[in-house]
C-alpha atoms as a PDB file:
ATOM      1  CA  UNK A   1     -10.788   3.832 -34.383  1.00  0.00           C
ATOM      2  CA  UNK A   2     -12.120   0.869 -32.508  1.00  0.00           C
ATOM      3  CA  UNK A   3     -15.831   0.446 -32.024  1.00  0.00           C
ATOM      4  CA  UNK A   4     -17.406   2.015 -28.973  1.00  0.00           C
ATOM      5  CA  UNK A   5     -17.624  -0.391 -26.101  1.00  0.00           C
ATOM      6  CA  UNK A   6     -20.935  -2.146 -25.876  1.00  0.00           C
ATOM      7  CA  UNK A   7     -22.909  -2.163 -22.700  1.00  0.00           C
ATOM      8  CA  UNK A   8     -22.885  -5.638 -21.347  1.00  0.00           C
ATOM      9  CA  UNK A   9     -24.851  -7.263 -18.608  1.00  0.00           C
ATOM     10  CA  UNK A  10     -23.884 -10.721 -17.513  1.00  0.00           C
ATOM     11  CA  UNK A  11     -26.623 -13.287 -17.549  1.00  0.00           C
ATOM     12  CA  UNK A  12     -27.327 -15.841 -14.917  1.00  0.00           C
ATOM     13  CA  UNK A  13     -27.513 -15.488 -11.200  1.00  0.00           C
ATOM     14  CA  UNK A  14     -26.321 -17.351  -8.190  1.00  0.00           C
ATOM     15  CA  UNK A  15     -25.061 -20.828  -9.005  1.00  0.00           C
ATOM     16  CA  UNK A  16     -26.445 -23.948  -7.325  1.00  0.00           C
ATOM     17  CA  UNK A  17     -23.186 -24.405  -5.442  1.00  0.00           C
ATOM     18  CA  UNK A  18     -23.309 -20.848  -4.104  1.00  0.00           C
ATOM     19  CA  UNK A  19     -26.960 -21.218  -3.112  1.00  0.00           C
ATOM     20  CA  UNK A  20     -26.338 -24.490  -1.258  1.00  0.00           C
ATOM     21  CA  UNK A  21     -23.316 -22.992   0.477  1.00  0.00           C
ATOM     22  CA  UNK A  22     -25.376 -19.992   1.535  1.00  0.00           C
ATOM     23  CA  UNK A  23     -28.171 -22.150   2.939  1.00  0.00           C
ATOM     24  CA  UNK A  24     -25.681 -24.262   4.881  1.00  0.00           C
ATOM     25  CA  UNK A  25     -24.104 -21.127   6.358  1.00  0.00           C
ATOM     26  CA  UNK A  26     -27.514 -19.756   7.364  1.00  0.00           C
ATOM     27  CA  UNK A  27     -28.454 -23.093   8.931  1.00  0.00           C
ATOM     28  CA  UNK A  28     -25.242 -23.186  10.948  1.00  0.00           C
ATOM     29  CA  UNK A  29     -25.815 -19.645  12.206  1.00  0.00           C
ATOM     30  CA  UNK A  30     -29.383 -20.501  13.217  1.00  0.00           C
ATOM     31  CA  UNK A  31     -28.324 -23.643  15.092  1.00  0.00           C
ATOM     32  CA  UNK A  32     -25.605 -21.725  16.941  1.00  0.00           C
ATOM     33  CA  UNK A  33     -28.068 -18.993  17.941  1.00  0.00           C
ATOM     34  CA  UNK A  34     -30.590 -21.577  19.128  1.00  0.00           C
ATOM     35  CA  UNK A  35     -28.020 -23.474  21.195  1.00  0.00           C
ATOM     36  CA  UNK A  36     -26.812 -20.264  22.815  1.00  0.00           C
ATOM     37  CA  UNK A  37     -30.386 -19.358  23.689  1.00  0.00           C
ATOM     38  CA  UNK A  38     -31.201 -22.677  25.363  1.00  0.00           C
ATOM     39  CA  UNK A  39     -27.837 -22.788  27.127  1.00  0.00           C
ATOM     40  CA  UNK A  40     -28.444 -19.381  28.685  1.00  0.00           C
ATOM     41  CA  UNK A  41     -32.084 -20.148  29.451  1.00  0.00           C
ATOM     42  CA  UNK A  42     -31.185 -23.343  31.307  1.00  0.00           C
ATOM     43  CA  UNK A  43     -29.035 -21.355  33.730  1.00  0.00           C
ATOM     44  CA  UNK A  44     -32.164 -19.661  35.084  1.00  0.00           C
ATOM     45  CA  UNK A  45     -34.402 -22.710  35.370  1.00  0.00           C
ATOM     46  CA  UNK A  46     -34.732 -24.392  38.780  1.00  0.00           C
ATOM     47  CA  UNK A  47     -35.889 -27.918  39.452  1.00  0.00           C
ATOM     48  CA  UNK A  48     -39.429 -26.637  40.041  1.00  0.00           C
ATOM     49  CA  UNK A  49     -39.539 -24.402  36.995  1.00  0.00           C
ATOM     50  CA  UNK A  50     -38.392 -20.872  36.239  1.00  0.00           C
ATOM     51  CA  UNK A  51     -36.986 -18.876  39.105  1.00  0.00           C
ATOM     52  CA  UNK A  52     -39.260 -15.832  39.208  1.00  0.00           C
ATOM     53  CA  UNK A  53     -36.509 -13.751  40.792  1.00  0.00           C
ATOM     54  CA  UNK A  54     -34.737 -13.938  37.467  1.00  0.00           C
ATOM     55  CA  UNK A  55     -37.711 -12.826  35.351  1.00  0.00           C
ATOM     56  CA  UNK A  56     -35.912  -9.715  34.205  1.00  0.00           C
ATOM     57  CA  UNK A  57     -32.878 -11.717  33.104  1.00  0.00           C
ATOM     58  CA  UNK A  58     -35.209 -14.264  31.487  1.00  0.00           C
ATOM     59  CA  UNK A  59     -36.817 -11.517  29.449  1.00  0.00           C
ATOM     60  CA  UNK A  60     -33.411 -10.191  28.511  1.00  0.00           C
ATOM     61  CA  UNK A  61     -32.390 -13.641  27.267  1.00  0.00           C
ATOM     62  CA  UNK A  62     -35.575 -13.857  25.176  1.00  0.00           C
ATOM     63  CA  UNK A  63     -34.778 -10.453  23.691  1.00  0.00           C
ATOM     64  CA  UNK A  64     -31.208 -11.567  22.947  1.00  0.00           C
ATOM     65  CA  UNK A  65     -32.489 -14.696  21.226  1.00  0.00           C
ATOM     66  CA  UNK A  66     -34.763 -12.761  18.876  1.00  0.00           C
ATOM     67  CA  UNK A  67     -31.996 -10.268  18.280  1.00  0.00           C
ATOM     68  CA  UNK A  68     -29.798 -13.152  17.144  1.00  0.00           C
ATOM     69  CA  UNK A  69     -32.557 -14.416  14.865  1.00  0.00           C
ATOM     70  CA  UNK A  70     -32.838 -10.948  13.353  1.00  0.00           C
ATOM     71  CA  UNK A  71     -29.056 -10.876  12.887  1.00  0.00           C
ATOM     72  CA  UNK A  72     -29.196 -14.251  11.117  1.00  0.00           C
ATOM     73  CA  UNK A  73     -31.851 -12.938   8.721  1.00  0.00           C
ATOM     74  CA  UNK A  74     -29.858  -9.787   7.962  1.00  0.00           C
ATOM     75  CA  UNK A  75     -26.694 -11.853   7.497  1.00  0.00           C
ATOM     76  CA  UNK A  76     -28.470 -14.180   5.075  1.00  0.00           C
ATOM     77  CA  UNK A  77     -29.673 -11.225   3.001  1.00  0.00           C
ATOM     78  CA  UNK A  78     -26.166  -9.750   2.900  1.00  0.00           C
ATOM     79  CA  UNK A  79     -24.692 -13.144   2.010  1.00  0.00           C
ATOM     80  CA  UNK A  80     -27.154 -13.533  -0.851  1.00  0.00           C
ATOM     81  CA  UNK A  81     -26.196 -10.062  -2.082  1.00  0.00           C
ATOM     82  CA  UNK A  82     -22.486 -10.886  -1.980  1.00  0.00           C
ATOM     83  CA  UNK A  83     -22.987 -14.152  -3.862  1.00  0.00           C
ATOM     84  CA  UNK A  84     -25.144 -12.431  -6.465  1.00  0.00           C
ATOM     85  CA  UNK A  85     -22.590  -9.638  -6.963  1.00  0.00           C
ATOM     86  CA  UNK A  86     -19.785 -12.181  -7.312  1.00  0.00           C
ATOM     87  CA  UNK A  87     -21.774 -14.127  -9.893  1.00  0.00           C
ATOM     88  CA  UNK A  88     -22.567 -10.988 -11.895  1.00  0.00           C
ATOM     89  CA  UNK A  89     -18.918  -9.897 -11.818  1.00  0.00           C
ATOM     90  CA  UNK A  90     -17.775 -13.259 -13.209  1.00  0.00           C
ATOM     91  CA  UNK A  91     -20.432 -13.105 -15.931  1.00  0.00           C
ATOM     92  CA  UNK A  92     -19.426  -9.546 -16.840  1.00  0.00           C
ATOM     93  CA  UNK A  93     -15.763 -10.546 -17.137  1.00  0.00           C
ATOM     94  CA  UNK A  94     -16.724 -13.322 -19.557  1.00  0.00           C
ATOM     95  CA  UNK A  95     -18.854 -10.953 -21.644  1.00  0.00           C
ATOM     96  CA  UNK A  96     -16.053  -8.374 -21.823  1.00  0.00           C
ATOM     97  CA  UNK A  97     -13.535 -10.979 -22.927  1.00  0.00           C
ATOM     98  CA  UNK A  98     -15.965 -12.234 -25.583  1.00  0.00           C
ATOM     99  CA  UNK A  99     -16.460  -8.653 -26.782  1.00  0.00           C
ATOM    100  CA  UNK A 100     -12.757  -7.917 -27.170  1.00  0.00           C
ATOM    101  CA  UNK A 101     -11.958 -11.218 -28.905  1.00  0.00           C
ATOM    102  CA  UNK A 102     -15.154 -12.479 -30.568  1.00  0.00           C
ATOM    103  CA  UNK A 103     -13.742 -14.078 -33.696  1.00  0.00           C
ATOM    104  CA  UNK A 104     -13.586 -17.819 -34.156  1.00  0.00           C
ATOM    105  CA  UNK A 105     -15.165 -20.651 -32.227  1.00  0.00           C
ATOM    106  CA  UNK A 106     -14.256 -21.481 -28.640  1.00  0.00           C
ATOM    107  CA  UNK A 107     -11.607 -24.042 -29.654  1.00  0.00           C
ATOM    108  CA  UNK A 108      -9.887 -21.528 -31.938  1.00  0.00           C
ATOM    109  CA  UNK A 109      -9.931 -18.875 -29.221  1.00  0.00           C
ATOM    110  CA  UNK A 110      -8.464 -21.328 -26.727  1.00  0.00           C
ATOM    111  CA  UNK A 111      -5.638 -22.184 -29.119  1.00  0.00           C
ATOM    112  CA  UNK A 112      -4.950 -18.501 -29.779  1.00  0.00           C
ATOM    113  CA  UNK A 113      -4.859 -17.814 -26.058  1.00  0.00           C
ATOM    114  CA  UNK A 114      -2.357 -20.631 -25.505  1.00  0.00           C
ATOM    115  CA  UNK A 115      -0.124 -19.238 -28.261  1.00  0.00           C
ATOM    116  CA  UNK A 116      -0.230 -15.741 -26.762  1.00  0.00           C
ATOM    117  CA  UNK A 117       0.389 -17.106 -23.279  1.00  0.00           C
ATOM    118  CA  UNK A 118       3.421 -19.075 -24.505  1.00  0.00           C
ATOM    119  CA  UNK A 119       4.834 -15.956 -26.135  1.00  0.00           C
ATOM    120  CA  UNK A 120       4.358 -14.037 -22.907  1.00  0.00           C
ATOM    121  CA  UNK A 121       6.168 -16.758 -20.970  1.00  0.00           C
ATOM    122  CA  UNK A 122       9.119 -16.371 -23.347  1.00  0.00           C
ATOM    123  CA  UNK A 123       9.069 -12.621 -22.726  1.00  0.00           C
ATOM    124  CA  UNK A 124       9.211 -13.210 -18.979  1.00  0.00           C
ATOM    125  CA  UNK A 125      11.975 -15.786 -19.376  1.00  0.00           C
ATOM    126  CA  UNK A 126      14.116 -13.265 -21.276  1.00  0.00           C
ATOM    127  CA  UNK A 127      13.359 -10.511 -18.760  1.00  0.00           C
ATOM    128  CA  UNK A 128      14.379 -12.632 -15.782  1.00  0.00           C
ATOM    129  CA  UNK A 129      17.833 -13.582 -17.081  1.00  0.00           C
ATOM    130  CA  UNK A 130      21.015 -11.672 -16.255  1.00  0.00           C
ATOM    131  CA  UNK A 131      21.801 -10.980 -19.906  1.00  0.00           C
ATOM    132  CA  UNK A 132      21.194  -7.344 -21.025  1.00  0.00           C
ATOM    133  CA  UNK A 133      20.605  -8.509 -24.601  1.00  0.00           C
ATOM    134  CA  UNK A 134      17.815 -10.800 -23.407  1.00  0.00           C
ATOM    135  CA  UNK A 135      16.256  -7.882 -21.538  1.00  0.00           C
ATOM    136  CA  UNK A 136      16.037  -5.884 -24.753  1.00  0.00           C
ATOM    137  CA  UNK A 137      14.584  -8.863 -26.611  1.00  0.00           C
ATOM    138  CA  UNK A 138      11.909  -9.155 -23.914  1.00  0.00           C
ATOM    139  CA  UNK A 139      10.828  -5.537 -24.369  1.00  0.00           C
ATOM    140  CA  UNK A 140      10.891  -5.747 -28.164  1.00  0.00           C
ATOM    141  CA  UNK A 141       8.785  -8.923 -28.127  1.00  0.00           C
ATOM    142  CA  UNK A 142       6.306  -7.465 -25.631  1.00  0.00           C
ATOM    143  CA  UNK A 143       5.923  -4.424 -27.881  1.00  0.00           C
ATOM    144  CA  UNK A 144       5.157  -6.646 -30.868  1.00  0.00           C
ATOM    145  CA  UNK A 145       2.431  -8.302 -28.790  1.00  0.00           C
ATOM    146  CA  UNK A 146       1.052  -4.861 -27.935  1.00  0.00           C
ATOM    147  CA  UNK A 147       0.972  -3.943 -31.628  1.00  0.00           C
ATOM    148  CA  UNK A 148      -0.974  -7.124 -32.390  1.00  0.00           C
ATOM    149  CA  UNK A 149      -3.386  -6.351 -29.560  1.00  0.00           C
ATOM    150  CA  UNK A 150      -4.086  -2.917 -31.046  1.00  0.00           C
ATOM    151  CA  UNK A 151      -4.808  -4.567 -34.399  1.00  0.00           C
ATOM    152  CA  UNK A 152      -7.276  -6.939 -32.770  1.00  0.00           C
ATOM    153  CA  UNK A 153      -8.971  -4.035 -31.028  1.00  0.00           C
ATOM    154  CA  UNK A 154      -9.538  -2.407 -34.413  1.00  0.00           C
ATOM    155  CA  UNK A 155      -6.950   0.385 -34.432  1.00  0.00           C
ATOM    156  CA  UNK A 156      -5.234   0.960 -37.772  1.00  0.00           C
ATOM    157  CA  UNK A 157      -2.102   2.847 -38.760  1.00  0.00           C
ATOM    158  CA  UNK A 158       1.347   2.530 -40.291  1.00  0.00           C
ATOM    159  CA  UNK A 159       2.965   2.549 -36.865  1.00  0.00           C
ATOM    160  CA  UNK A 160       2.041   1.905 -33.266  1.00  0.00           C
ATOM    161  CA  UNK A 161       2.283   5.610 -32.608  1.00  0.00           C
ATOM    162  CA  UNK A 162      -0.403   6.308 -35.204  1.00  0.00           C
ATOM    163  CA  UNK A 163      -2.620   3.600 -33.765  1.00  0.00           C
ATOM    164  CA  UNK A 164      -2.323   4.836 -30.194  1.00  0.00           C
ATOM    165  CA  UNK A 165      -3.013   8.441 -31.184  1.00  0.00           C
ATOM    166  CA  UNK A 166      -6.489   7.313 -32.268  1.00  0.00           C
ATOM    167  CA  UNK A 167      -7.330   5.864 -28.862  1.00  0.00           C
ATOM    168  CA  UNK A 168      -9.656   7.601 -26.436  1.00  0.00           C
ATOM    169  CA  UNK A 169      -8.392   7.337 -22.866  1.00  0.00           C
ATOM    170  CA  UNK A 170     -11.877   6.428 -21.705  1.00  0.00           C
ATOM    171  CA  UNK A 171     -11.655   3.292 -23.880  1.00  0.00           C
ATOM    172  CA  UNK A 172      -8.121   2.380 -22.850  1.00  0.00           C
ATOM    173  CA  UNK A 173      -7.415   2.855 -19.144  1.00  0.00           C
ATOM    174  CA  UNK A 174      -3.752   1.828 -19.431  1.00  0.00           C
ATOM    175  CA  UNK A 175      -3.027   4.007 -22.484  1.00  0.00           C
ATOM    176  CA  UNK A 176      -0.387   6.121 -20.702  1.00  0.00           C
ATOM    177  CA  UNK A 177       1.410   2.963 -19.592  1.00  0.00           C
ATOM    178  CA  UNK A 178       1.337   1.634 -23.147  1.00  0.00           C
ATOM    179  CA  UNK A 179       2.913   4.874 -24.373  1.00  0.00           C
ATOM    180  CA  UNK A 180       5.589   4.779 -21.677  1.00  0.00           C
ATOM    181  CA  UNK A 181       6.556   1.187 -22.466  1.00  0.00           C
ATOM    182  CA  UNK A 182       6.535   1.841 -26.222  1.00  0.00           C
ATOM    183  CA  UNK A 183       8.887   4.818 -25.833  1.00  0.00           C
ATOM    184  CA  UNK A 184      11.395   2.568 -24.050  1.00  0.00           C
ATOM    185  CA  UNK A 185      11.088   0.108 -26.924  1.00  0.00           C
ATOM    186  CA  UNK A 186      11.788   2.905 -29.423  1.00  0.00           C
ATOM    187  CA  UNK A 187      14.898   3.917 -27.505  1.00  0.00           C
ATOM    188  CA  UNK A 188      16.158   0.323 -27.665  1.00  0.00           C
ATOM    189  CA  UNK A 189      15.400   0.064 -31.389  1.00  0.00           C
ATOM    190  CA  UNK A 190      17.076   3.375 -32.252  1.00  0.00           C
ATOM    191  CA  UNK A 191      20.100   3.277 -29.952  1.00  0.00           C
ATOM    192  CA  UNK A 192      20.810  -0.450 -30.102  1.00  0.00           C
ATOM    193  CA  UNK A 193      23.795  -1.550 -28.026  1.00  0.00           C
ATOM    194  CA  UNK A 194      24.349   2.002 -26.796  1.00  0.00           C
ATOM    195  CA  UNK A 195      21.070   1.954 -24.888  1.00  0.00           C
ATOM    196  CA  UNK A 196      21.742   1.022 -21.263  1.00  0.00           C
ATOM    197  CA  UNK A 197      19.108  -0.426 -18.970  1.00  0.00           C
ATOM    198  CA  UNK A 198      19.189  -2.394 -15.722  1.00  0.00           C
ATOM    199  CA  UNK A 199      17.161  -5.427 -14.737  1.00  0.00           C
ATOM    200  CA  UNK A 200      14.909  -3.546 -12.328  1.00  0.00           C
ATOM    201  CA  UNK A 201      13.890  -1.132 -15.079  1.00  0.00           C
ATOM    202  CA  UNK A 202      13.316  -4.000 -17.498  1.00  0.00           C
ATOM    203  CA  UNK A 203      10.949  -5.723 -15.081  1.00  0.00           C
ATOM    204  CA  UNK A 204       9.138  -2.429 -14.489  1.00  0.00           C
ATOM    205  CA  UNK A 205       8.637  -1.903 -18.237  1.00  0.00           C
ATOM    206  CA  UNK A 206       7.481  -5.488 -18.713  1.00  0.00           C
ATOM    207  CA  UNK A 207       5.052  -4.846 -15.867  1.00  0.00           C
ATOM    208  CA  UNK A 208       3.602  -1.922 -17.843  1.00  0.00           C
ATOM    209  CA  UNK A 209       2.944  -4.188 -20.810  1.00  0.00           C
ATOM    210  CA  UNK A 210       1.337  -6.747 -18.516  1.00  0.00           C
ATOM    211  CA  UNK A 211      -1.067  -4.172 -17.100  1.00  0.00           C
ATOM    212  CA  UNK A 212      -2.172  -3.308 -20.636  1.00  0.00           C
ATOM    213  CA  UNK A 213      -2.635  -6.960 -21.557  1.00  0.00           C
ATOM    214  CA  UNK A 214      -4.524  -7.669 -18.346  1.00  0.00           C
ATOM    215  CA  UNK A 215      -6.967  -4.847 -19.063  1.00  0.00           C
ATOM    216  CA  UNK A 216      -8.022  -6.561 -22.278  1.00  0.00           C
ATOM    217  CA  UNK A 217      -7.703 -10.169 -21.035  1.00  0.00           C
ATOM    218  CA  UNK A 218      -4.969 -10.737 -23.607  1.00  0.00           C
ATOM    219  CA  UNK A 219      -2.794 -13.015 -21.476  1.00  0.00           C
END
């Protein structure tokens, strides 16, 4: 059985680019609020000074101005929170990918990823043709990739069925989809040319494999 998932917390915080962008946005909001305030205030100023008959409206404008300032402050806090959450999410994704595929240096991992990606492109190319034989090849190849993924995740067994029986659903969100796709593969392998399938079903099955691969950042 594969190792229990490690708790991971992404390092780092808000990037310089995000921080600068946030400050610019806050500055723009402040300038807009200030311009609105002075534009409204000028409407109630006479040549000799403030028109006292509009004192109530003047006070209302002052209240509106400070309300806008308060809104700018709240918006800046929310913006900072969004940027921080986004940064943490990106960091967490990197940590998870490193956890699932830790072996080798970064160059080796990049090469391996390119190889896997090229294989997946071939799968998609077969699936998108109008040749039923190519459709079956696509599913068979995708299943081989799934088997290799299980090996890399640490599951051992003489068959894919044995490997998947060891998996806890809490560790493998797309486990049911992996089983469903694998059963279609078995039908193709056992029935051969007698197994009939249409293009829509092929693309659906390939989509199941993709969801599994996406969960573990495999492609």
